[in-house]
Amino acid sequence: MSRARTARFVLILGALSGFGPLSIDMYLPAFPAMAGELHAGQSQVQLTLTACTLGLALGQLVAGPLSDTLGRRRPLLTGLAVFTLTSLLCAVAPSAEALSALRLVQGLGGAAGIVISRAAVRDLYEGPELARFFSLLMLVNGAAPVLAPVIGGQLLSWVSWRGVFVTLGAIGLVLLVASALGLPETLAPQRRRPGSLTATLRTMWDLLRDRVFLGYALSLALAFAALFAYISGSSFVLQDVYGMSPQLFSLVFGGNAVAIIVFGQVNAWLVRFQSARRLLVAGLVTVLLGGLGVLVAAVTGIGLPVMLPALVVVSGGIGVVFPNATALALADHPETAGNASALLGVLQFLAGGFAAPLVGSGGAASALPMALVMASLATAAVLVFLVLARGRRITPGSARRPATDRQPAAG
């Protein structure tokens, strides 16, 4: 694969895998304003976040198996079209309840980009190259949480929160055109699998019975949920509790996303010399230390001087956990990459969706609910890894040659 072609794949697949942070982060600075305009409480506004997260999870269960049967392009383009349309409809939602319903459908469409981007990478790479390519995707995927809250915060200086969803619709349209013109089919017809419901359920059941796969998937999901607890609660904690403006909040939030990018690129270099499994352990421990730091800041009342660095540590740890856990989970399932990617994403977003209402139920008067949820989930991620994820690993140079000589099928 030429450098130009690789760069194009990184750009498009990275942007597609960024549908989660794009859909979630861009409107976070508008939460207080939305609650006022829609006459809704904090929990009702956070429910719109949970609805989108649920759609992102369930949509992967549909798009992933379909992509193993039909190829990657058709489910991807359909999902992008649904995302674009519902984003525009969200801009005219009359109530929090209507917005939650539309956000569910929006998430269902955006899920295709997330699950199929991972499966397409697995079609082309294996071994340490698989972990390295996922780290490269962090360059683009990591830019989504950097740009999303910054764009959202700045947009709020000119338009209401509804303009944020118009922007999301425009982004969906751009990615739809880019994918149609620049992303060929990566799954050749001879590698596709029967698409019956029975076959899909059997494959999912086999994956769930794979202890090591489940260990990697759950440790990733719980670490992501710790980050999601911060995502869902930070707008209220940093703005209402600590008095930040929406613009300053968006810059702080974007700074944490920079940590994801930086740590992801360090991981891309380290995976040449260390096993992905060892790096995953280091990432999980980093997330745990950051979560405990956030808890200390909330309990002792020290506040931002400790909390902000701890949040950077959590975000940086995710930049190491994501590429290694994803590569390790998909490594042994090349023929069912769509199904495996779907299950990986479902567990990730369901855990994240579970974290959001936990944070909201503690109220918005203190940082303690967010801190407790973050620290608990980070601890659970480490424990799950220690109990389940024993055995197979990717070591430097031990895997087969990367499958970069496999030409994507026409289409």
Protein backbone atom coordinates (compact mmCIF):
# COMPACT_ATOMS: atom_id res chain seq x y z
CA MET A 1 0.00 0.00 0.00
CA SER A 2 1.50 3.36 -1.04
CA ARG A 3 2.11 6.13 1.47
CA ALA A 4 -0.59 8.26 -0.13
CA ARG A 5 -3.11 5.43 0.02
CA THR A 6 -2.18 4.67 3.64
CA ALA A 7 -2.57 8.35 4.55
CA ARG A 8 -6.01 8.42 2.90
CA PHE A 9 -7.08 5.32 4.83
CA VAL A 10 -5.84 6.78 8.12
CA LEU A 11 -7.71 10.03 7.47
CA ILE A 12 -11.04 8.48 6.44
CA LEU A 13 -11.05 5.53 8.87
CA GLY A 14 -9.88 7.73 11.71
CA ALA A 15 -12.67 10.21 11.04
CA LEU A 16 -15.23 7.40 10.87
CA SER A 17 -14.04 5.91 14.15
CA GLY A 18 -14.45 9.38 15.64
CA PHE A 19 -18.25 9.36 15.33
CA GLY A 20 -18.51 8.57 19.04
CA PRO A 21 -16.68 11.66 20.32
CA LEU A 22 -18.14 13.81 17.53
CA SER A 23 -21.68 12.86 18.47
CA ILE A 24 -21.06 13.05 22.20
CA ASP A 25 -18.59 15.84 22.86
CA MET A 26 -19.63 18.64 20.54
CA TYR A 27 -22.75 19.64 22.42
CA LEU A 28 -21.45 19.12 25.96
CA PRO A 29 -20.77 22.84 26.57
CA ALA A 30 -24.43 23.50 25.75
CA PHE A 31 -25.89 21.25 28.48
CA PRO A 32 -26.78 24.06 30.91
CA ALA A 33 -28.32 26.16 28.11
CA MET A 34 -30.28 23.16 26.77
CA ALA A 35 -31.68 22.42 30.21
CA GLY A 36 -33.01 25.98 30.40
CA GLU A 37 -34.48 26.21 26.89
CA LEU A 38 -36.09 22.75 26.95
CA HIS A 39 -37.31 23.18 30.56
CA ALA A 40 -35.52 19.96 31.50
CA GLY A 41 -33.48 18.83 34.48
CA GLN A 42 -29.87 17.70 34.44
CA SER A 43 -30.83 14.02 34.28
CA GLN A 44 -33.17 14.64 31.29
CA VAL A 45 -30.42 16.42 29.37
CA GLN A 46 -27.94 13.67 30.21
CA LEU A 47 -30.51 11.17 28.94
CA THR A 48 -29.97 12.58 25.43
CA LEU A 49 -26.33 11.58 25.86
CA THR A 50 -27.29 8.11 27.06
CA ALA A 51 -29.72 7.68 24.13
CA CYS A 52 -26.99 8.47 21.61
CA THR A 53 -24.59 6.14 23.39
CA LEU A 54 -27.17 3.36 23.35
CA GLY A 55 -27.69 3.91 19.62
CA LEU A 56 -23.94 3.80 19.03
CA ALA A 57 -23.85 0.47 20.88
CA LEU A 58 -26.88 -1.26 19.34
CA GLY A 59 -26.13 0.01 15.83
CA GLN A 60 -22.82 -1.82 15.91
CA LEU A 61 -24.66 -5.11 16.49
CA VAL A 62 -26.41 -4.53 13.17
CA ALA A 63 -23.70 -2.91 11.07
CA GLY A 64 -20.86 -5.22 12.15
CA PRO A 65 -22.45 -8.56 11.17
CA LEU A 66 -23.94 -6.99 8.02
CA SER A 67 -20.47 -5.88 6.96
CA ASP A 68 -19.19 -9.46 7.33
CA THR A 69 -21.95 -10.54 4.93
CA LEU A 70 -22.39 -7.65 2.47
CA GLY A 71 -18.92 -6.12 2.59
CA ARG A 72 -17.94 -2.92 4.33
CA ARG A 73 -19.17 -0.22 1.93
CA ARG A 74 -22.93 -0.67 1.72
CA PRO A 75 -23.67 -0.75 5.48
CA LEU A 76 -21.22 2.11 5.99
CA LEU A 77 -22.79 4.44 3.43
CA THR A 78 -26.30 3.67 4.67
CA GLY A 79 -25.32 4.44 8.25
CA LEU A 80 -23.70 7.73 7.25
CA ALA A 81 -26.86 8.82 5.42
CA VAL A 82 -29.01 8.05 8.50
CA PHE A 83 -26.61 9.96 10.75
CA THR A 84 -26.67 13.03 8.50
CA LEU A 85 -30.46 13.18 8.27
CA THR A 86 -31.16 12.68 11.98
CA SER A 87 -28.50 15.23 12.97
CA LEU A 88 -30.46 17.86 11.06
CA LEU A 89 -33.71 16.71 12.68
CA CYS A 90 -32.11 17.03 16.13
CA ALA A 91 -31.64 20.72 15.38
CA VAL A 92 -35.42 21.25 15.38
CA ALA A 93 -36.34 18.95 18.30
CA PRO A 94 -39.11 20.60 20.38
CA SER A 95 -38.41 18.81 23.68
CA ALA A 96 -35.84 16.80 25.59
CA GLU A 97 -37.89 13.64 24.99
CA ALA A 98 -37.97 14.18 21.22
CA LEU A 99 -34.28 14.98 21.19
CA SER A 100 -33.51 11.76 23.08
CA ALA A 101 -35.45 9.71 20.50
CA LEU A 102 -33.66 11.38 17.60
CA ARG A 103 -30.30 10.98 19.31
CA LEU A 104 -30.97 7.24 19.56
CA VAL A 105 -31.47 7.01 15.78
CA GLN A 106 -28.50 9.31 15.19
CA GLY A 107 -26.33 6.94 17.22
CA LEU A 108 -27.64 3.93 15.28
CA GLY A 109 -26.45 5.54 12.05
CA GLY A 110 -23.11 6.74 13.39
CA ALA A 111 -22.35 3.28 14.78
CA ALA A 112 -21.66 2.01 11.25
CA GLY A 113 -18.64 4.26 10.96
CA ILE A 114 -17.18 3.10 14.28
CA VAL A 115 -17.58 -0.64 13.83
CA ILE A 116 -16.74 -0.83 10.13
CA SER A 117 -13.62 1.32 10.45
CA ARG A 118 -12.20 -1.19 12.97
CA ALA A 119 -13.17 -4.16 10.81
CA ALA A 120 -11.59 -2.58 7.72
CA VAL A 121 -8.30 -2.13 9.60
CA ARG A 122 -8.42 -5.80 10.62
CA ASP A 123 -8.97 -6.72 6.96
CA LEU A 124 -5.64 -5.14 6.07
CA TYR A 125 -3.32 -5.61 9.07
CA GLU A 126 -2.35 -8.14 11.72
CA GLY A 127 0.11 -8.63 14.56
CA PRO A 128 2.04 -5.61 15.89
CA GLU A 129 1.13 -3.70 12.70
CA LEU A 130 -2.51 -3.94 13.77
CA ALA A 131 -1.80 -2.22 17.10
CA ARG A 132 0.43 0.32 15.35
CA PHE A 133 -2.25 1.24 12.80
CA PHE A 134 -4.85 1.66 15.53
CA SER A 135 -2.39 4.01 17.24
CA LEU A 136 -2.08 5.97 13.99
CA LEU A 137 -5.85 6.29 13.89
CA MET A 138 -5.58 8.14 17.20
CA LEU A 139 -4.06 11.04 15.23
CA VAL A 140 -7.41 11.57 13.52
CA ASN A 141 -9.74 9.91 16.00
CA GLY A 142 -8.09 11.83 18.82
CA ALA A 143 -8.65 15.09 16.95
CA ALA A 144 -12.41 14.53 17.22
CA PRO A 145 -12.60 15.05 21.00
CA VAL A 146 -10.10 17.91 20.64
CA LEU A 147 -12.10 19.75 18.00
CA ALA A 148 -15.65 18.75 19.02
CA PRO A 149 -15.95 20.63 22.33
CA VAL A 150 -13.84 23.52 21.05
CA ILE A 151 -16.07 23.89 17.98
CA GLY A 152 -19.15 23.44 20.14
CA GLY A 153 -18.02 26.04 22.65
CA GLN A 154 -17.17 28.57 19.96
CA LEU A 155 -20.39 27.90 18.04
CA LEU A 156 -22.34 28.77 21.18
CA SER A 157 -20.91 32.27 20.92
CA TRP A 158 -22.79 32.70 17.64
CA VAL A 159 -25.70 30.26 17.59
CA SER A 160 -27.81 28.25 20.01
CA TRP A 161 -27.24 24.58 20.75
CA ARG A 162 -29.35 23.76 17.69
CA GLY A 163 -26.60 25.08 15.46
CA VAL A 164 -24.30 22.41 16.90
CA PHE A 165 -26.51 19.69 15.43
CA VAL A 166 -26.59 21.44 12.05
CA THR A 167 -22.79 21.30 12.13
CA LEU A 168 -22.92 17.58 12.95
CA GLY A 169 -25.17 17.06 9.93
CA ALA A 170 -22.67 18.87 7.71
CA ILE A 171 -19.83 16.71 9.05
CA GLY A 172 -21.86 13.58 8.34
CA LEU A 173 -22.45 14.71 4.76
CA VAL A 174 -18.73 15.38 4.20
CA LEU A 175 -17.81 11.93 5.51
CA LEU A 176 -20.52 10.31 3.40
CA VAL A 177 -19.04 11.85 0.25
CA ALA A 178 -15.45 11.10 1.31
CA SER A 179 -16.26 7.45 2.04
CA ALA A 180 -18.18 6.99 -1.21
CA LEU A 181 -15.32 8.40 -3.28
CA GLY A 182 -12.21 7.48 -1.30
CA LEU A 183 -12.79 4.22 0.58
CA PRO A 184 -12.78 1.03 -1.52
CA GLU A 185 -14.15 -2.30 -0.38
CA THR A 186 -11.68 -4.06 1.96
CA LEU A 187 -13.52 -7.38 2.35
CA ALA A 188 -13.28 -9.49 -0.80
CA PRO A 189 -16.44 -11.49 -1.72
CA GLN A 190 -14.73 -14.86 -1.08
CA ARG A 191 -14.04 -13.84 2.53
CA ARG A 192 -17.64 -12.93 3.35
CA ARG A 193 -19.78 -15.08 5.65
CA PRO A 194 -23.42 -16.24 5.55
CA GLY A 195 -25.70 -13.59 6.97
CA SER A 196 -28.40 -15.56 8.79
CA LEU A 197 -29.47 -14.51 12.27
CA THR A 198 -28.57 -17.96 13.58
CA ALA A 199 -25.03 -17.71 12.24
CA THR A 200 -24.60 -14.24 13.73
CA LEU A 201 -25.87 -15.31 17.14
CA ARG A 202 -23.61 -18.38 17.07
CA THR A 203 -20.60 -16.23 16.26
CA MET A 204 -21.44 -13.76 19.03
CA TRP A 205 -21.86 -16.61 21.50
CA ASP A 206 -18.49 -18.08 20.54
CA LEU A 207 -16.86 -14.68 21.07
CA LEU A 208 -18.46 -14.28 24.49
CA ARG A 209 -17.17 -17.73 25.46
CA ASP A 210 -13.62 -16.71 24.53
CA ARG A 211 -12.26 -15.75 27.96
CA VAL A 212 -9.29 -13.79 26.63
CA PHE A 213 -11.35 -11.84 24.07
CA LEU A 214 -13.88 -11.02 26.78
CA GLY A 215 -11.12 -9.91 29.13
CA TYR A 216 -9.68 -7.48 26.61
CA ALA A 217 -13.13 -6.25 25.58
CA LEU A 218 -14.40 -5.69 29.13
CA SER A 219 -11.21 -4.02 30.37
CA LEU A 220 -11.44 -1.63 27.40
CA ALA A 221 -15.15 -1.05 28.05
CA LEU A 222 -14.67 -0.27 31.74
CA ALA A 223 -11.72 2.05 31.09
CA PHE A 224 -13.79 3.84 28.44
CA ALA A 225 -16.67 4.10 30.91
CA ALA A 226 -14.34 5.81 33.40
CA LEU A 227 -13.53 8.36 30.72
CA PHE A 228 -17.22 8.61 29.84
CA ALA A 229 -18.07 9.42 33.45
CA TYR A 230 -15.81 12.45 33.04
CA ILE A 231 -17.35 13.27 29.65
CA SER A 232 -20.91 13.20 30.98
CA GLY A 233 -20.24 15.00 34.25
CA SER A 234 -17.48 17.45 33.39
CA SER A 235 -19.68 20.15 31.85
CA PHE A 236 -21.62 20.49 35.12
CA VAL A 237 -18.62 19.97 37.42
CA LEU A 238 -16.21 22.31 35.69
CA GLN A 239 -18.77 24.98 34.79
CA ASP A 240 -21.27 24.90 37.67
CA VAL A 241 -19.05 23.73 40.54
CA TYR A 242 -15.77 25.39 39.55
CA GLY A 243 -17.19 28.32 37.55
CA MET A 244 -15.60 27.82 34.12
CA SER A 245 -17.12 29.51 31.06
CA PRO A 246 -18.26 27.30 28.14
CA GLN A 247 -15.29 28.52 26.09
CA LEU A 248 -12.73 27.77 28.82
CA PHE A 249 -14.36 24.40 29.48
CA SER A 250 -14.08 23.49 25.80
CA LEU A 251 -10.36 24.36 25.82
CA VAL A 252 -9.71 22.28 28.96
CA PHE A 253 -11.70 19.41 27.50
CA GLY A 254 -9.75 19.67 24.25
CA GLY A 255 -6.47 19.67 26.18
CA ASN A 256 -7.36 16.29 27.67
CA ALA A 257 -8.04 14.99 24.17
CA VAL A 258 -4.54 16.16 23.14
CA ALA A 259 -3.25 13.79 25.82
CA ILE A 260 -5.07 10.92 24.08
CA ILE A 261 -3.32 11.77 20.80
CA VAL A 262 0.14 12.17 22.33
CA PHE A 263 -0.02 8.97 24.35
CA GLY A 264 -1.42 7.12 21.32
CA GLN A 265 1.56 8.12 19.19
CA VAL A 266 4.01 7.18 21.93
CA ASN A 267 2.27 3.81 21.98
CA ALA A 268 2.72 3.47 18.19
CA TRP A 269 6.48 3.78 18.76
CA LEU A 270 6.64 1.58 21.85
CA VAL A 271 4.72 -1.31 20.26
CA ARG A 272 7.79 -1.94 18.11
CA PHE A 273 9.70 -2.96 21.23
CA GLN A 274 7.13 -4.03 23.81
CA SER A 275 4.22 -6.42 23.59
CA ALA A 276 0.78 -4.88 23.14
CA ARG A 277 -0.32 -6.78 26.22
CA ARG A 278 2.37 -5.18 28.40
CA LEU A 279 1.49 -1.75 27.06
CA LEU A 280 -2.17 -2.42 27.77
CA VAL A 281 -1.32 -3.17 31.40
CA ALA A 282 0.59 0.12 31.62
CA GLY A 283 -2.38 1.99 30.12
CA LEU A 284 -4.89 0.46 32.53
CA VAL A 285 -2.71 1.31 35.52
CA THR A 286 -2.36 4.88 34.21
CA VAL A 287 -6.15 5.25 33.97
CA LEU A 288 -6.50 3.89 37.51
CA LEU A 289 -3.93 6.34 38.92
CA GLY A 290 -5.69 9.23 37.19
CA GLY A 291 -9.09 8.14 38.50
CA LEU A 292 -7.76 7.94 42.05
CA GLY A 293 -6.27 11.41 41.60
CA VAL A 294 -9.68 12.81 40.62
CA LEU A 295 -11.19 11.17 43.71
CA VAL A 296 -8.53 12.66 45.99
CA ALA A 297 -9.17 16.12 44.51
CA ALA A 298 -12.91 15.82 45.11
CA VAL A 299 -12.71 14.34 48.62
CA THR A 300 -10.05 16.66 50.00
CA GLY A 301 -11.49 19.80 48.41
CA ILE A 302 -8.20 20.67 46.70
CA GLY A 303 -10.09 20.99 43.44
CA LEU A 304 -8.66 22.03 40.09
CA PRO A 305 -4.91 22.02 40.95
CA VAL A 306 -5.09 18.24 41.40
CA MET A 307 -8.19 17.40 39.38
CA LEU A 308 -7.06 18.87 36.04
CA PRO A 309 -3.71 16.99 35.96
CA ALA A 310 -5.48 13.79 37.05
CA LEU A 311 -7.96 14.13 34.19
CA VAL A 312 -5.03 14.48 31.78
CA VAL A 313 -3.58 11.23 33.18
CA VAL A 314 -6.90 9.41 32.67
CA SER A 315 -7.16 10.68 29.09
CA GLY A 316 -3.55 9.76 28.30
CA GLY A 317 -4.09 6.27 29.64
CA ILE A 318 -7.02 5.80 27.29
CA GLY A 319 -4.68 6.68 24.40
CA VAL A 320 -2.65 3.58 25.32
CA VAL A 321 -5.53 1.28 26.31
CA PHE A 322 -7.63 1.76 23.17
CA PRO A 323 -5.21 0.67 20.39
CA ASN A 324 -3.70 -2.23 22.33
CA ALA A 325 -6.94 -3.65 23.74
CA THR A 326 -8.60 -3.36 20.32
CA ALA A 327 -5.71 -5.04 18.50
CA LEU A 328 -5.46 -7.84 21.06
CA ALA A 329 -9.22 -8.47 21.01
CA LEU A 330 -9.41 -8.63 17.18
CA ALA A 331 -6.12 -10.44 16.59
CA ASP A 332 -7.52 -13.98 16.73
CA HIS A 333 -10.72 -13.28 14.78
CA PRO A 334 -9.79 -12.22 11.23
CA GLU A 335 -12.71 -14.04 9.59
CA THR A 336 -15.32 -12.51 11.91
CA ALA A 337 -13.82 -9.06 12.30
CA GLY A 338 -17.17 -7.32 11.84
CA ASN A 339 -18.87 -9.38 14.55
CA ALA A 340 -15.90 -9.06 16.91
CA SER A 341 -15.67 -5.32 16.30
CA ALA A 342 -19.41 -4.99 16.92
CA LEU A 343 -19.25 -6.83 20.24
CA LEU A 344 -16.21 -4.80 21.25
CA GLY A 345 -18.06 -1.57 20.52
CA VAL A 346 -21.33 -2.68 22.14
CA LEU A 347 -19.64 -3.48 25.43
CA GLN A 348 -17.73 -0.20 25.26
CA PHE A 349 -20.72 2.05 24.66
CA LEU A 350 -23.09 0.16 26.96
CA ALA A 351 -20.59 0.62 29.77
CA GLY A 352 -20.31 4.30 28.87
CA GLY A 353 -24.08 4.70 28.76
CA PHE A 354 -24.34 3.08 32.18
CA ALA A 355 -21.78 5.51 33.63
CA ALA A 356 -23.59 8.70 32.56
CA PRO A 357 -26.77 8.30 34.66
CA LEU A 358 -24.67 7.12 37.62
CA VAL A 359 -22.86 10.45 37.59
CA GLY A 360 -26.10 12.40 37.08
CA SER A 361 -27.92 10.64 39.91
CA GLY A 362 -25.42 12.07 42.39
CA GLY A 363 -26.48 15.64 41.61
CA ALA A 364 -24.57 18.58 40.18
CA ALA A 365 -23.55 20.31 43.42
CA SER A 366 -20.30 18.41 43.88
CA ALA A 367 -17.51 16.73 41.91
CA LEU A 368 -17.65 13.69 44.19
CA PRO A 369 -20.20 11.60 42.18
CA MET A 370 -18.12 11.92 39.00
CA ALA A 371 -14.92 11.13 40.89
CA LEU A 372 -16.36 8.05 42.63
CA VAL A 373 -17.67 6.59 39.37
CA MET A 374 -14.38 7.23 37.55
CA ALA A 375 -12.24 5.64 40.26
CA SER A 376 -14.55 2.63 40.65
CA LEU A 377 -14.69 1.87 36.93
CA ALA A 378 -10.92 2.24 36.51
CA THR A 379 -10.41 -0.21 39.38
CA ALA A 380 -12.86 -2.65 37.81
CA ALA A 381 -11.01 -2.45 34.47
CA VAL A 382 -7.74 -3.54 36.10
CA LEU A 383 -9.41 -6.36 38.05
CA VAL A 384 -11.23 -7.72 34.98
CA PHE A 385 -7.98 -7.78 33.02
CA LEU A 386 -6.18 -9.65 35.81
CA VAL A 387 -8.95 -12.25 36.09
CA LEU A 388 -9.86 -12.87 32.43
CA ALA A 389 -7.16 -11.67 30.04
CA ARG A 390 -4.53 -14.32 30.61
CA GLY A 391 -2.88 -16.16 27.73
CA ARG A 392 -2.54 -14.98 24.15
CA ARG A 393 -0.54 -11.87 23.33
CA ILE A 394 1.03 -9.93 20.47
CA THR A 395 4.79 -9.68 20.85
CA PRO A 396 7.13 -7.56 18.74
CA GLY A 397 8.03 -9.38 15.54
CA SER A 398 6.26 -12.60 16.50
CA ALA A 399 3.20 -12.26 14.30
CA ARG A 400 2.94 -12.91 10.63
CA ARG A 401 3.85 -10.30 8.07
CA PRO A 402 1.26 -7.48 7.97
CA ALA A 403 -1.36 -8.02 5.34
CA THR A 404 -0.64 -4.80 3.51
CA ASP A 405 -0.17 -6.70 0.25
CA ARG A 406 -3.84 -7.69 0.23
CA GLN A 407 -5.48 -5.50 -2.34
CA PRO A 408 -8.96 -4.26 -1.40
CA ALA A 409 -11.66 -5.65 -3.61
CA ALA A 410 -13.18 -3.38 -6.21
CA GLY A 411 -16.31 -1.56 -5.29
